[in-house]
Protein backbone atom coordinates (compact mmCIF):
# COMPACT_ATOMS: atom_id res chain seq x y z
CA MET A 1 160.73 55.07 -132.41
CA LYS A 2 160.53 53.25 -135.79
CA MET A 3 161.87 50.05 -137.31
CA SER A 4 163.54 49.70 -140.37
CA VAL A 5 164.96 46.62 -142.18
CA CYS A 6 168.59 46.22 -143.88
CA VAL A 7 167.99 44.36 -146.96
CA ASP A 8 171.23 43.16 -148.06
CA ILE A 9 171.94 40.93 -144.66
CA LEU A 10 168.68 39.42 -144.23
CA PHE A 11 168.01 38.76 -148.09
CA PHE A 12 172.00 37.99 -148.75
CA GLN A 13 172.64 36.79 -152.49
CA GLN A 14 168.78 37.34 -153.35
CA ASP A 15 167.01 39.81 -155.34
CA PHE A 16 166.78 43.25 -153.70
CA ILE A 17 163.53 44.61 -155.34
CA SER A 18 161.72 41.49 -154.69
CA ALA A 19 162.54 41.47 -151.12
CA LEU A 20 160.79 45.00 -150.45
CA GLU A 21 157.47 43.13 -151.10
CA VAL A 22 158.33 40.54 -148.20
CA ILE A 23 159.46 43.35 -145.69
CA LYS A 24 156.42 44.79 -146.26
CA SER A 25 154.06 42.18 -145.97
CA ALA A 26 155.85 41.23 -142.72
CA GLY A 27 154.54 44.75 -141.41
CA PHE A 28 157.61 46.99 -142.08
CA ASN A 29 157.11 50.27 -143.74
CA HIS A 30 161.02 51.11 -143.92
CA TYR A 31 164.19 49.48 -145.62
CA GLU A 32 167.80 50.19 -145.44
CA MET A 33 170.88 49.05 -147.49
CA TRP A 34 174.41 48.48 -147.29
CA THR A 35 176.17 50.14 -150.64
CA LEU A 36 174.31 51.83 -153.42
CA GLY A 37 175.25 49.65 -155.94
CA ASP A 38 177.47 46.49 -155.78
CA HIS A 39 179.28 46.13 -152.81
CA PRO A 40 183.23 46.19 -152.96
CA HIS A 41 183.42 42.85 -151.19
CA GLY A 42 180.69 41.37 -153.63
CA ILE A 43 178.31 40.66 -150.76
CA GLY A 44 174.76 41.55 -149.89
CA ALA A 45 171.80 41.50 -152.08
CA LYS A 46 171.63 41.60 -156.12
CA ASN A 47 169.71 43.93 -158.56
CA LYS A 48 170.48 47.17 -156.87
CA ASP A 49 168.93 48.94 -160.05
CA LEU A 50 168.10 52.27 -157.90
CA PRO A 51 165.56 53.87 -160.25
CA ALA A 52 163.82 50.40 -159.96
CA ILE A 53 164.20 50.38 -156.37
CA ALA A 54 162.62 53.58 -156.25
CA ALA A 55 159.80 52.59 -158.17
CA GLU A 56 158.73 49.76 -156.18
CA ALA A 57 159.39 51.42 -152.83
CA LYS A 58 156.80 53.89 -154.37
CA ARG A 59 154.55 51.42 -155.42
CA LEU A 60 154.76 49.76 -151.79
CA ASP A 61 154.55 53.10 -149.77
CA MET A 62 157.97 52.27 -148.33
CA SER A 63 160.80 54.55 -147.77
CA CYS A 64 164.52 54.15 -147.65
CA VAL A 65 165.89 55.27 -144.30
CA ALA A 66 169.94 54.72 -144.40
CA CYS A 67 172.60 53.14 -146.82
CA VAL A 68 175.99 52.65 -146.70
CA GLY A 69 178.62 55.10 -148.38
CA PRO A 70 182.14 54.65 -149.23
CA PHE A 71 184.87 52.31 -148.00
CA SER A 72 187.81 54.26 -147.22
CA ASP A 73 190.74 54.53 -144.68
CA LEU A 74 189.58 57.80 -143.14
CA THR A 75 192.56 57.89 -141.09
CA ASP A 76 194.89 57.60 -144.14
CA ALA A 77 195.22 61.57 -145.51
CA ALA A 78 196.28 60.06 -148.72
CA ASP A 79 192.81 58.56 -149.15
CA HIS A 80 190.67 61.64 -148.61
CA SER A 81 190.38 63.17 -151.67
CA GLU A 82 189.02 59.84 -153.21
CA PHE A 83 186.81 59.52 -150.17
CA LEU A 84 185.08 62.94 -150.66
CA LYS A 85 184.43 62.50 -154.47
CA ASP A 86 182.95 58.93 -153.56
CA PHE A 87 180.99 60.60 -150.94
CA LYS A 88 179.33 63.22 -153.13
CA ALA A 89 178.64 60.79 -155.72
CA ASP A 90 176.76 58.83 -152.80
CA VAL A 91 174.70 61.54 -152.19
CA ALA A 92 173.52 61.95 -155.69
CA LYS A 93 172.45 58.22 -155.64
CA ALA A 94 170.99 58.30 -152.24
CA LYS A 95 168.87 61.40 -152.86
CA MET A 96 167.47 58.93 -155.91
CA ILE A 97 166.04 56.49 -153.67
CA LYS A 98 165.19 59.38 -151.01
CA CYS A 99 167.38 57.98 -148.63
CA PRO A 100 168.45 60.64 -145.76
CA THR A 101 171.26 58.90 -144.00
CA ILE A 102 174.51 57.79 -145.28
CA ILE A 103 176.66 55.16 -143.39
CA VAL A 104 180.44 55.44 -143.16
CA ASN A 105 183.07 53.65 -140.65
CA MET A 106 186.34 54.97 -139.85
CA GLY A 107 188.18 52.34 -141.39
CA GLY A 108 189.37 48.63 -141.44
CA GLY A 109 185.93 47.22 -141.85
CA GLY A 110 187.78 44.73 -144.37
CA PRO A 111 191.49 45.52 -145.01
CA PRO A 112 193.82 46.66 -142.23
CA THR A 113 194.01 50.56 -142.22
CA ASN A 114 197.42 52.37 -142.74
CA PRO A 115 199.31 52.10 -139.61
CA GLU A 116 201.02 55.61 -140.29
CA GLY A 117 197.48 56.82 -140.12
CA SER A 118 195.70 58.91 -137.22
CA MET A 119 192.36 59.41 -135.45
CA GLU A 120 193.03 63.45 -136.28
CA ASN A 121 193.09 62.39 -139.80
CA GLY A 122 189.86 61.06 -139.37
CA ILE A 123 188.20 63.85 -137.78
CA SER A 124 189.40 66.09 -140.35
CA VAL A 125 187.91 64.53 -143.43
CA LEU A 126 184.60 64.09 -141.63
CA ARG A 127 184.53 67.69 -140.89
CA GLU A 128 185.00 68.28 -144.67
CA ALA A 129 182.09 65.38 -145.51
CA GLY A 130 180.01 66.95 -142.65
CA LYS A 131 180.07 70.50 -144.88
CA ILE A 132 178.89 68.66 -147.91
CA ALA A 133 176.04 66.69 -145.77
CA GLU A 134 174.95 69.80 -144.20
CA SER A 135 174.80 71.57 -147.59
CA GLU A 136 172.64 68.65 -149.25
CA GLY A 137 170.28 68.04 -146.23
CA ILE A 138 171.78 64.28 -145.60
CA THR A 139 172.67 62.99 -142.42
CA LEU A 140 176.35 61.33 -142.19
CA ALA A 141 176.29 58.19 -139.86
CA LEU A 142 179.45 57.15 -138.40
CA GLU A 143 179.45 53.60 -137.42
CA PRO A 144 182.02 52.01 -135.14
CA LEU A 145 182.36 48.16 -135.82
CA ASN A 146 183.38 45.68 -133.12
CA ASN A 147 186.84 43.92 -133.75
CA ARG A 148 186.64 41.03 -131.66
CA VAL A 149 184.33 39.09 -133.89
CA ASP A 150 183.39 40.57 -137.27
CA HIS A 151 185.99 43.42 -137.99
CA PRO A 152 189.17 42.22 -136.78
CA ASN A 153 190.59 45.49 -138.49
CA SER A 154 188.17 47.87 -137.36
CA ILE A 155 190.39 51.11 -136.31
CA LEU A 156 187.19 52.55 -134.35
CA ALA A 157 185.45 49.84 -132.41
CA HIS A 158 184.58 51.45 -128.92
CA ALA A 159 181.43 53.87 -128.23
CA ASP A 160 183.40 56.38 -126.26
CA GLN A 161 186.06 56.74 -128.54
CA ALA A 162 183.14 57.12 -131.17
CA PHE A 163 181.18 59.63 -129.33
CA ALA A 164 184.68 61.73 -128.70
CA VAL A 165 184.85 62.00 -132.39
CA ILE A 166 181.47 62.99 -132.79
CA ASP A 167 182.56 65.62 -130.42
CA ALA A 168 185.67 66.53 -132.24
CA VAL A 169 184.19 66.81 -135.76
CA ASP A 170 181.02 69.11 -133.96
CA SER A 171 178.92 69.01 -137.15
CA PRO A 172 175.10 69.13 -137.02
CA ALA A 173 175.45 66.87 -139.89
CA VAL A 174 177.74 64.22 -138.44
CA LYS A 175 176.35 61.86 -135.76
CA LEU A 176 176.65 58.21 -134.78
CA LEU A 177 175.19 54.98 -135.58
CA TYR A 178 175.15 53.07 -132.67
CA ASP A 179 175.24 49.36 -133.29
CA ILE A 180 173.54 47.67 -130.23
CA TYR A 181 175.23 44.43 -131.70
CA HIS A 182 178.64 45.78 -131.93
CA GLN A 183 178.74 47.75 -129.05
CA GLN A 184 177.36 44.65 -126.78
CA VAL A 185 180.27 42.61 -128.03
CA MET A 186 182.94 45.60 -127.13
CA ASP A 187 181.29 47.29 -124.24
CA GLY A 188 177.99 46.24 -123.03
CA ASN A 189 176.02 48.67 -120.93
CA VAL A 190 173.91 49.32 -124.18
CA THR A 191 170.87 50.98 -122.70
CA GLU A 192 172.83 53.44 -120.53
CA THR A 193 175.41 54.65 -123.17
CA ILE A 194 172.52 55.17 -125.56
CA LEU A 195 170.32 57.13 -123.31
CA ALA A 196 173.49 59.27 -122.21
CA ASN A 197 174.16 60.03 -125.49
CA LEU A 198 170.82 60.17 -127.46
CA ASP A 199 171.66 63.71 -128.98
CA LYS A 200 174.36 62.31 -130.87
CA ILE A 201 172.84 59.41 -132.05
CA ALA A 202 171.29 59.10 -135.80
CA HIS A 203 170.28 55.62 -136.13
CA LEU A 204 170.49 52.40 -134.47
CA HIS A 205 171.14 48.70 -135.46
CA ALA A 206 170.10 45.71 -133.71
CA ALA A 207 171.05 42.08 -134.18
CA GLY A 208 171.06 39.52 -131.50
CA VAL A 209 174.07 38.35 -129.38
CA PRO A 210 175.89 36.16 -129.59
CA GLY A 211 175.57 34.99 -133.56
CA ARG A 212 174.19 38.22 -134.94
CA GLN A 213 171.03 36.43 -135.47
CA GLU A 214 167.49 37.18 -134.35
CA LEU A 215 166.95 39.62 -131.60
CA ALA A 216 165.65 36.90 -129.35
CA PRO A 217 166.82 34.54 -127.99
CA GLY A 218 169.91 36.21 -126.80
CA GLU A 219 171.96 37.82 -123.90
CA LEU A 220 170.53 41.14 -124.45
CA ASP A 221 166.76 41.50 -123.45
CA TYR A 222 166.06 43.71 -126.44
CA ARG A 223 162.42 44.59 -125.28
CA PHE A 224 163.88 46.35 -122.42
CA VAL A 225 166.47 48.05 -124.40
CA LEU A 226 164.23 49.37 -127.00
CA GLN A 227 161.49 50.50 -124.58
CA LYS A 228 163.93 52.69 -122.05
CA VAL A 229 165.27 54.22 -125.61
CA ALA A 230 161.19 54.79 -126.70
CA GLU A 231 160.59 56.16 -123.11
CA ALA A 232 163.28 58.75 -123.68
CA ASN A 233 161.74 60.13 -127.00
CA TYR A 234 164.33 58.73 -129.07
CA ASP A 235 162.40 59.28 -132.70
CA GLN A 236 164.61 57.83 -135.33
CA PHE A 237 165.19 54.43 -136.62
CA VAL A 238 166.16 51.01 -135.27
CA GLY A 239 167.64 49.32 -138.09
CA LEU A 240 167.48 45.27 -138.09
CA GLU A 241 170.27 43.96 -139.53
CA TYR A 242 171.00 40.46 -138.72
CA LYS A 243 171.15 36.94 -140.10
CA PRO A 244 168.36 34.98 -140.45
CA SER A 245 168.12 31.77 -138.65
CA LYS A 246 164.84 30.73 -140.29
CA PRO A 247 163.04 31.60 -143.33
CA VAL A 248 163.58 35.40 -143.65
CA ALA A 249 159.63 36.13 -144.04
CA ASP A 250 158.78 34.10 -140.73
CA SER A 251 161.72 35.68 -139.13
CA LEU A 252 160.62 39.14 -139.88
CA ARG A 253 157.09 38.59 -138.73
CA GLU A 254 158.76 37.51 -135.55
CA MET A 255 160.78 40.58 -135.20
CA ARG A 256 157.52 42.59 -136.05
CA ALA A 257 155.55 40.69 -133.35
CA LEU A 258 158.45 41.25 -130.55
CA THR A 259 158.80 45.01 -131.17
CA ALA A 260 155.24 46.05 -132.77
CA ASP A 261 153.97 47.77 -129.26
CA ILE A 262 157.14 49.45 -128.84
CA ALA A 263 157.93 50.76 -132.34
CA GLY A 264 156.27 51.60 -135.26
């Protein structure tokens, strides 16, 4: 198991490139990002110059492990051609920074989805995107988002529904991003759910519950959760995607100390 840091949320409205050195100094060698450029909702870090990011990461011997792809309502067939076009473009951008995983959601992360849409439509377009991902050596990670606190319009919120989608898509290039924060808000039972579905999970995200801040303190014992997942030989990444409650360098050092004996 390896740890990564989501630049956009920890360095919200700050410079992306200079953030990498802060992350490295705190003991992390891997980073991830939201969109591969300006976020459509105007959020996240600033200065997403991909060639400059790639150069700085190379200088620091860091790697990008995940990024967020196009926003679209996958349940709406009318959006499919645009989504696939944007997904192909994001694959090319991801390769510029050697990022192997592109995150998407089913829809409703922002505006409501089309009430006439269907999960079957989403499955259909994910199959097509999976063919692109497989041919390009990229993993598409589908992320369910909680609709109780952060994303009231999220159309795919529960883990069991999301794993059913992964089964229906049936592509080696389409897996799940299981966000422990989102799923604790929605369902609980996160440890057993992860362990029962490791073969379908490409990436984990982590944040404290409630509040989406540091992993501790909170209602989850993250050391227990991560230790159990590590013991199950999960060898992918756990991305820290939280809102720091203190200076970000101090916060990251605390999270590195919390996880150092469990994850690389």
